[in-house]
Amino acid sequence: MTSRERVMTTFAHREPDRVPLWIGSSAEFWEAAKLELGLDDEGLRLRFGDDFRRVSARVPGPSFPLSPDATGWTVFGIERRGLGYGQPLNHPLAQATLAEIESYPWPDPSALDVSHIRAEALVYGGEYAILGGDWSPFWHDAIDLFGMEELCVRMYEAPATVEAVMQHLVDYYAEASRRVFDAAADVIDIFFVGNDFGSQTGPLVSVDLFRRFLLPPMQRLIDLGHHYGLPVMLHCCGGVAPLLPSLIEVGLDAFHAVQPSARGMDLATLKREFGADLVFNGAIDSHHVLITCTPETVRMRTREVLDIMAPGGGYIAGASHDTILPETPLENVLAMCDTVREYELPGALR
């Protein structure tokens, strides 16, 4: 099978020739791995055995002057500082009324450049599963715009303001992805979006609040992907098992990246209760295995995860945190990848 055939067979909840493999990485780990192995970007993907490739729209630079302290920014007017994506330096809607929310300078998705996406996807010749669409982190953007505490308070005391912000955020993201799909949906295989609704100890909001404020925006994005014939995969960290029935209800197809160390994320339970409805992606423990164990232990623990998650299809192997951190030993990541590729499914399609 090609990588694309392998992944799409898995999305059909059938066993492919082998379990598909997903590799997500921090820039620091990726650059160090290329240097150590003497490979370029595509060569490293091939060495790992990554079955996925990704295409994205190009975002223009900030439409507002950045302050000297800022190391990053978002299209919604948030300045950020710190490691990685950083933390917000401002919460421009913290005190906003509903009228001020409506008059806020929301960004124009037509500024995104999608002209290159089709050609970039075609470079891979149908060999790999292509991820596309806007990342769409509307929950994180709402936190940035209000501040976390203010957002939670408003869910109770001023719910209309939260709903208005969610509407504007997803208006932007839905149109951004629509532009991508109009340009290249026929060469994209999976709509991939990301919002972290959980912590190590459970969901960040109750199921009732999730269903009121966060599920409708998710449904808009899921419906958009399905309109273009694309399955939708959500990246979501943490112990969010209580939210999975609601996400299944609105049609989510796949869940990434399963964190078995978080509360309620027992792999056998997830597979038994939700495996018929969701493709699971991840589950090989980044925190307690990939960073701290020996390669032999990584191989053993990877096989344990595969024994639970792989039977019957519907599983993509990968780290439980998409961004493999720079402190992760390269030999452990190679041990994980090689074990996945060597693992034999009893009902595999050859």
Protein backbone atom coordinates (compact mmCIF):
# COMPACT_ATOMS: atom_id res chain seq x y z
CA MET A 1 0.00 0.00 0.00
CA THR A 2 0.99 3.62 -0.45
CA SER A 3 0.99 5.80 2.63
CA ARG A 4 -2.21 7.43 1.44
CA GLU A 5 -3.94 4.08 0.91
CA ARG A 6 -2.75 2.95 4.34
CA VAL A 7 -4.16 6.03 6.08
CA MET A 8 -7.46 6.07 4.25
CA THR A 9 -7.96 2.36 4.93
CA THR A 10 -7.42 3.16 8.59
CA PHE A 11 -10.01 5.96 8.38
CA ALA A 12 -12.43 3.35 7.02
CA HIS A 13 -11.80 1.35 10.24
CA ARG A 14 -10.16 -1.52 8.44
CA GLU A 15 -6.69 -2.93 8.97
CA PRO A 16 -4.18 -1.74 6.34
CA ASP A 17 -0.92 -3.48 5.45
CA ARG A 18 0.63 -1.95 8.58
CA VAL A 19 -0.28 0.65 11.17
CA PRO A 20 0.15 4.17 9.75
CA LEU A 21 2.75 6.38 11.40
CA TRP A 22 2.49 10.03 12.38
CA ILE A 23 5.48 12.25 13.20
CA GLY A 24 5.08 15.72 14.66
CA SER A 25 8.09 17.56 15.96
CA SER A 26 9.42 20.73 17.51
CA ALA A 27 11.67 22.71 15.21
CA GLU A 28 14.58 22.12 17.59
CA PHE A 29 14.25 18.33 17.59
CA TRP A 30 13.74 18.27 13.82
CA GLU A 31 16.84 20.32 13.04
CA ALA A 32 18.99 18.29 15.45
CA ALA A 33 17.75 15.02 13.94
CA LYS A 34 18.52 16.19 10.41
CA LEU A 35 22.02 17.16 11.47
CA GLU A 36 22.70 13.90 13.31
CA LEU A 37 21.43 11.71 10.46
CA GLY A 38 22.75 13.89 7.63
CA LEU A 39 19.32 14.19 6.00
CA ASP A 40 17.16 16.94 4.55
CA ASP A 41 13.51 17.44 5.52
CA GLU A 42 12.05 14.89 3.15
CA GLY A 43 14.85 12.43 3.86
CA LEU A 44 14.04 12.62 7.57
CA ARG A 45 10.35 12.04 6.93
CA LEU A 46 11.26 8.98 4.89
CA ARG A 47 13.62 7.66 7.59
CA PHE A 48 10.92 7.98 10.21
CA GLY A 49 8.32 6.49 7.88
CA ASP A 50 5.84 9.35 8.23
CA ASP A 51 2.69 8.58 6.23
CA PHE A 52 1.49 12.20 6.18
CA ARG A 53 2.37 15.46 4.45
CA ARG A 54 0.81 18.87 5.06
CA VAL A 55 -0.03 21.91 2.96
CA SER A 56 -0.95 25.30 4.41
CA ALA A 57 -1.99 28.76 3.31
CA ARG A 58 0.55 31.55 3.60
CA VAL A 59 -0.32 34.18 6.19
CA PRO A 60 0.72 37.78 5.53
CA GLY A 61 2.73 39.67 8.13
CA PRO A 62 1.06 41.54 10.99
CA SER A 63 -1.28 44.36 10.06
CA PHE A 64 -0.31 46.27 13.20
CA PRO A 65 3.08 47.42 14.55
CA LEU A 66 4.57 44.97 17.06
CA SER A 67 5.84 46.23 20.38
CA PRO A 68 9.54 45.71 21.22
CA ASP A 69 8.68 42.93 23.70
CA ALA A 70 6.72 40.82 21.20
CA THR A 71 8.25 37.70 19.65
CA GLY A 72 5.08 36.62 17.84
CA TRP A 73 1.53 37.62 16.98
CA THR A 74 -1.82 36.28 15.84
CA VAL A 75 -4.13 37.51 13.11
CA PHE A 76 -6.58 38.59 15.83
CA GLY A 77 -4.33 41.34 17.15
CA ILE A 78 -2.60 39.44 19.95
CA GLU A 79 1.07 40.03 20.63
CA ARG A 80 2.96 37.07 22.12
CA ARG A 81 6.29 36.56 23.86
CA GLY A 82 8.22 33.52 25.06
CA LEU A 83 9.25 30.03 24.02
CA GLY A 84 7.41 28.38 21.17
CA TYR A 85 4.14 30.18 20.50
CA GLY A 86 4.72 32.23 23.64
CA GLN A 87 2.11 33.78 25.91
CA PRO A 88 -0.19 36.72 25.13
CA LEU A 89 0.98 40.19 26.07
CA ASN A 90 -2.49 41.69 25.74
CA HIS A 91 -6.18 40.74 26.03
CA PRO A 92 -7.88 43.36 23.86
CA LEU A 93 -11.45 42.22 24.59
CA ALA A 94 -11.06 41.75 28.35
CA GLN A 95 -13.41 44.66 29.08
CA ALA A 96 -15.30 44.73 25.80
CA THR A 97 -19.03 45.16 25.51
CA LEU A 98 -21.04 43.32 22.88
CA ALA A 99 -21.02 46.45 20.70
CA GLU A 100 -17.24 46.73 21.02
CA ILE A 101 -16.85 43.07 20.07
CA GLU A 102 -18.91 43.66 16.93
CA SER A 103 -16.77 46.68 15.97
CA TYR A 104 -13.43 44.97 16.68
CA PRO A 105 -11.11 44.86 13.62
CA TRP A 106 -11.60 41.18 12.78
CA PRO A 107 -9.13 39.93 10.13
CA ASP A 108 -9.99 39.35 6.50
CA PRO A 109 -9.39 35.71 5.38
CA SER A 110 -9.03 36.86 1.78
CA ALA A 111 -5.54 38.05 2.75
CA LEU A 112 -4.40 34.42 2.94
CA ASP A 113 -2.43 33.15 -0.05
CA VAL A 114 -3.73 29.74 -1.21
CA SER A 115 -2.35 29.92 -4.76
CA HIS A 116 0.49 27.47 -4.08
CA ILE A 117 -1.40 24.76 -2.19
CA ARG A 118 -2.54 22.62 -5.08
CA ALA A 119 0.93 22.49 -6.65
CA GLU A 120 2.54 21.63 -3.30
CA ALA A 121 0.14 18.74 -2.75
CA LEU A 122 0.66 17.42 -6.27
CA VAL A 123 4.41 17.21 -5.68
CA TYR A 124 3.75 14.10 -3.59
CA GLY A 125 2.02 12.32 -6.48
CA GLY A 126 -0.76 10.83 -4.38
CA GLU A 127 1.77 8.83 -2.33
CA TYR A 128 1.01 10.35 1.08
CA ALA A 129 -2.06 11.39 3.06
CA ILE A 130 -2.31 15.16 2.65
CA LEU A 131 -3.47 17.30 5.57
CA GLY A 132 -5.01 20.66 4.76
CA GLY A 133 -7.28 23.43 5.97
CA ASP A 134 -6.68 26.07 8.61
CA TRP A 135 -5.58 24.97 12.08
CA SER A 136 -8.50 27.02 13.50
CA PRO A 137 -7.62 27.28 17.25
CA PHE A 138 -10.72 29.32 18.12
CA TRP A 139 -10.68 28.29 21.80
CA HIS A 140 -7.11 29.51 22.25
CA ASP A 141 -7.90 32.73 20.42
CA ALA A 142 -10.89 33.38 22.69
CA ILE A 143 -8.65 32.83 25.72
CA ASP A 144 -6.15 35.30 24.29
CA LEU A 145 -8.78 37.90 23.48
CA PHE A 146 -10.54 37.79 26.87
CA GLY A 147 -7.99 36.22 29.23
CA MET A 148 -8.78 32.78 30.66
CA GLU A 149 -10.41 33.92 33.89
CA GLU A 150 -12.50 36.59 32.17
CA LEU A 151 -13.62 34.12 29.51
CA CYS A 152 -14.80 31.61 32.11
CA VAL A 153 -16.65 34.29 34.06
CA ARG A 154 -18.35 35.57 30.91
CA MET A 155 -19.65 32.08 30.11
CA TYR A 156 -21.89 32.55 33.14
CA GLU A 157 -22.38 36.31 33.40
CA ALA A 158 -22.25 37.52 29.77
CA PRO A 159 -22.72 34.46 27.54
CA ALA A 160 -23.77 36.53 24.52
CA THR A 161 -20.31 38.12 24.39
CA VAL A 162 -18.62 34.71 24.34
CA GLU A 163 -20.95 33.48 21.61
CA ALA A 164 -20.29 36.61 19.56
CA VAL A 165 -16.52 36.17 19.76
CA MET A 166 -16.78 32.48 18.84
CA GLN A 167 -18.94 33.45 15.87
CA HIS A 168 -16.38 35.96 14.58
CA LEU A 169 -13.46 33.60 15.15
CA VAL A 170 -15.05 30.71 13.30
CA ASP A 171 -16.35 33.00 10.55
CA TYR A 172 -12.69 33.74 9.85
CA TYR A 173 -11.47 30.15 10.13
CA ALA A 174 -14.31 28.63 8.13
CA GLU A 175 -13.74 31.08 5.30
CA ALA A 176 -9.98 30.50 5.44
CA SER A 177 -10.44 26.76 5.06
CA ARG A 178 -13.12 27.22 2.43
CA ARG A 179 -10.62 29.14 0.33
CA VAL A 180 -8.08 26.32 0.75
CA PHE A 181 -10.62 23.66 -0.19
CA ASP A 182 -11.96 25.60 -3.17
CA ALA A 183 -8.40 25.71 -4.47
CA ALA A 184 -7.32 22.15 -3.70
CA ALA A 185 -9.87 19.91 -1.93
CA ASP A 186 -9.45 17.20 -4.57
CA VAL A 187 -5.78 16.75 -3.61
CA ILE A 188 -6.30 17.06 0.16
CA ASP A 189 -7.28 13.98 2.17
CA ILE A 190 -7.93 15.18 5.74
CA PHE A 191 -9.06 18.46 7.30
CA PHE A 192 -6.82 18.88 10.38
CA VAL A 193 -7.79 21.36 13.12
CA GLY A 194 -6.53 21.96 16.64
CA ASN A 195 -7.94 23.13 19.97
CA ASP A 196 -6.71 21.97 23.39
CA PHE A 197 -9.88 21.48 25.44
CA GLY A 198 -8.22 19.47 28.22
CA SER A 199 -5.59 19.38 30.95
CA GLN A 200 -3.83 16.45 32.59
CA THR A 201 -6.72 16.14 35.02
CA GLY A 202 -9.73 16.55 32.74
CA PRO A 203 -11.59 18.97 30.46
CA LEU A 204 -10.96 22.69 30.97
CA VAL A 205 -14.71 23.35 31.06
CA SER A 206 -17.69 21.23 32.04
CA VAL A 207 -19.50 19.12 29.47
CA ASP A 208 -22.46 21.52 29.64
CA LEU A 209 -20.30 24.57 28.94
CA PHE A 210 -18.47 22.69 26.22
CA ARG A 211 -21.72 21.79 24.51
CA ARG A 212 -23.01 25.36 24.70
CA PHE A 213 -19.95 27.36 23.70
CA LEU A 214 -17.39 25.10 22.02
CA LEU A 215 -19.29 22.29 20.34
CA PRO A 216 -21.24 24.53 17.91
CA PRO A 217 -18.01 26.07 16.51
CA MET A 218 -16.52 22.59 16.21
CA GLN A 219 -19.61 21.42 14.36
CA ARG A 220 -19.28 24.29 11.88
CA LEU A 221 -15.75 23.20 11.04
CA ILE A 222 -16.64 19.50 10.90
CA ASP A 223 -19.61 20.21 8.63
CA LEU A 224 -17.36 22.29 6.39
CA GLY A 225 -14.87 19.46 5.98
CA HIS A 226 -17.62 16.96 5.28
CA HIS A 227 -19.15 19.31 2.70
CA TYR A 228 -15.91 18.96 0.74
CA GLY A 229 -15.83 15.19 1.25
CA LEU A 230 -12.99 15.32 3.79
CA PRO A 231 -12.78 13.51 7.13
CA VAL A 232 -11.95 15.83 10.03
CA MET A 233 -9.22 15.17 12.60
CA LEU A 234 -9.02 17.21 15.80
CA HIS A 235 -5.81 17.76 17.73
CA CYS A 236 -6.76 18.06 21.39
CA CYS A 237 -4.49 17.56 24.39
CA GLY A 238 -5.44 16.30 27.82
CA GLY A 239 -7.98 14.14 29.59
CA VAL A 240 -11.01 14.87 27.42
CA ALA A 241 -12.76 11.49 27.41
CA PRO A 242 -15.97 13.11 28.79
CA LEU A 243 -16.10 15.31 25.68
CA LEU A 244 -15.70 12.53 23.12
CA PRO A 245 -19.39 11.53 22.96
CA SER A 246 -20.32 15.11 22.08
CA LEU A 247 -17.61 15.31 19.41
CA ILE A 248 -18.76 12.01 17.93
CA GLU A 249 -22.33 13.33 17.96
CA VAL A 250 -21.38 16.21 15.64
CA GLY A 251 -19.43 13.96 13.29
CA LEU A 252 -15.76 14.15 14.29
CA ASP A 253 -13.82 11.44 12.44
CA ALA A 254 -10.41 11.30 14.18
CA PHE A 255 -8.79 12.36 17.44
CA HIS A 256 -5.14 13.36 17.85
CA ALA A 257 -2.93 12.97 19.95
CA VAL A 258 -4.16 10.54 22.59
CA GLN A 259 -2.39 11.15 25.92
CA PRO A 260 -2.57 7.94 28.01
CA SER A 261 -1.06 9.67 31.05
CA ALA A 262 -3.99 12.09 31.34
CA ARG A 263 -6.98 11.30 33.55
CA GLY A 264 -9.59 9.09 31.92
CA MET A 265 -7.50 8.30 28.84
CA ASP A 266 -7.02 4.58 29.44
CA LEU A 267 -6.27 3.14 26.01
CA ALA A 268 -8.26 -0.08 26.29
CA THR A 269 -11.30 1.86 27.48
CA LEU A 270 -11.02 4.42 24.68
CA LYS A 271 -10.68 1.70 22.07
CA ARG A 272 -13.62 -0.27 23.45
CA GLU A 273 -15.99 2.65 23.95
CA PHE A 274 -15.14 4.92 21.04
CA GLY A 275 -13.01 2.92 18.59
CA ALA A 276 -15.92 2.17 16.28
CA ASP A 277 -16.57 5.90 15.80
CA LEU A 278 -13.19 7.61 16.07
CA VAL A 279 -9.81 7.03 14.51
CA PHE A 280 -7.27 7.47 17.31
CA ASN A 281 -3.88 9.02 16.57
CA GLY A 282 -0.97 9.06 19.03
CA ALA A 283 -0.97 7.22 22.41
CA ILE A 284 2.76 6.36 22.63
CA ASP A 285 3.68 8.22 25.81
CA SER A 286 5.98 11.18 25.18
CA HIS A 287 6.28 12.15 28.82
CA HIS A 288 7.07 8.87 30.57
CA VAL A 289 8.43 6.74 27.71
CA LEU A 290 9.95 8.57 24.75
CA ILE A 291 11.88 11.12 26.80
CA THR A 292 13.04 9.00 29.74
CA CYS A 293 13.25 5.34 28.69
CA THR A 294 15.84 3.27 26.85
CA PRO A 295 15.27 2.33 23.20
CA GLU A 296 14.47 -1.25 24.19
CA THR A 297 11.82 -0.09 26.64
CA VAL A 298 10.41 2.22 23.97
CA ARG A 299 10.08 -0.77 21.65
CA MET A 300 8.32 -2.80 24.34
CA ARG A 301 5.92 -0.02 25.30
CA THR A 302 5.20 0.78 21.65
CA ARG A 303 4.25 -2.86 21.03
CA GLU A 304 1.97 -2.76 24.09
CA VAL A 305 0.13 0.25 22.67
CA LEU A 306 -0.14 -1.36 19.24
CA ASP A 307 -1.58 -4.55 20.75
CA ILE A 308 -4.39 -2.49 22.30
CA MET A 309 -5.10 0.11 19.62
CA ALA A 310 -4.29 -1.49 16.26
CA PRO A 311 -6.68 -4.47 15.97
CA GLY A 312 -9.56 -3.78 13.62
CA GLY A 313 -8.01 -0.62 12.18
CA GLY A 314 -8.85 2.92 13.21
CA TYR A 315 -5.46 3.64 14.76
CA ILE A 316 -2.51 5.82 13.69
CA ALA A 317 0.65 5.39 15.74
CA GLY A 318 2.59 8.34 17.04
CA ALA A 319 3.76 10.23 20.09
CA SER A 320 1.20 11.32 22.68
CA HIS A 321 2.35 14.91 22.23
CA ASP A 322 2.52 16.01 18.62
CA THR A 323 5.53 18.26 19.18
CA ILE A 324 8.39 15.89 19.95
CA LEU A 325 10.51 17.98 22.29
CA PRO A 326 14.23 18.64 21.82
CA GLU A 327 15.12 16.67 24.97
CA THR A 328 13.68 13.50 23.40
CA PRO A 329 16.52 11.14 22.40
CA LEU A 330 16.60 10.57 18.66
CA GLU A 331 17.28 6.87 19.18
CA ASN A 332 14.00 6.58 21.08
CA VAL A 333 12.01 8.16 18.27
CA LEU A 334 13.70 5.85 15.77
CA ALA A 335 12.92 2.89 18.03
CA MET A 336 9.25 3.88 18.10
CA CYS A 337 9.07 4.35 14.33
CA ASP A 338 10.88 1.13 13.49
CA THR A 339 8.69 -0.86 15.88
CA VAL A 340 5.54 0.53 14.29
CA ARG A 341 6.72 -0.32 10.79
CA GLU A 342 7.71 -3.85 11.82
CA TYR A 343 4.50 -4.60 13.74
CA GLU A 344 2.35 -7.25 12.04
CA LEU A 345 -1.42 -6.88 12.03
CA PRO A 346 -3.19 -10.25 12.00
CA GLY A 347 -5.78 -9.10 9.48
CA ALA A 348 -3.52 -6.80 7.48
CA LEU A 349 -4.28 -6.08 3.82
CA ARG A 350 -1.26 -6.90 1.70
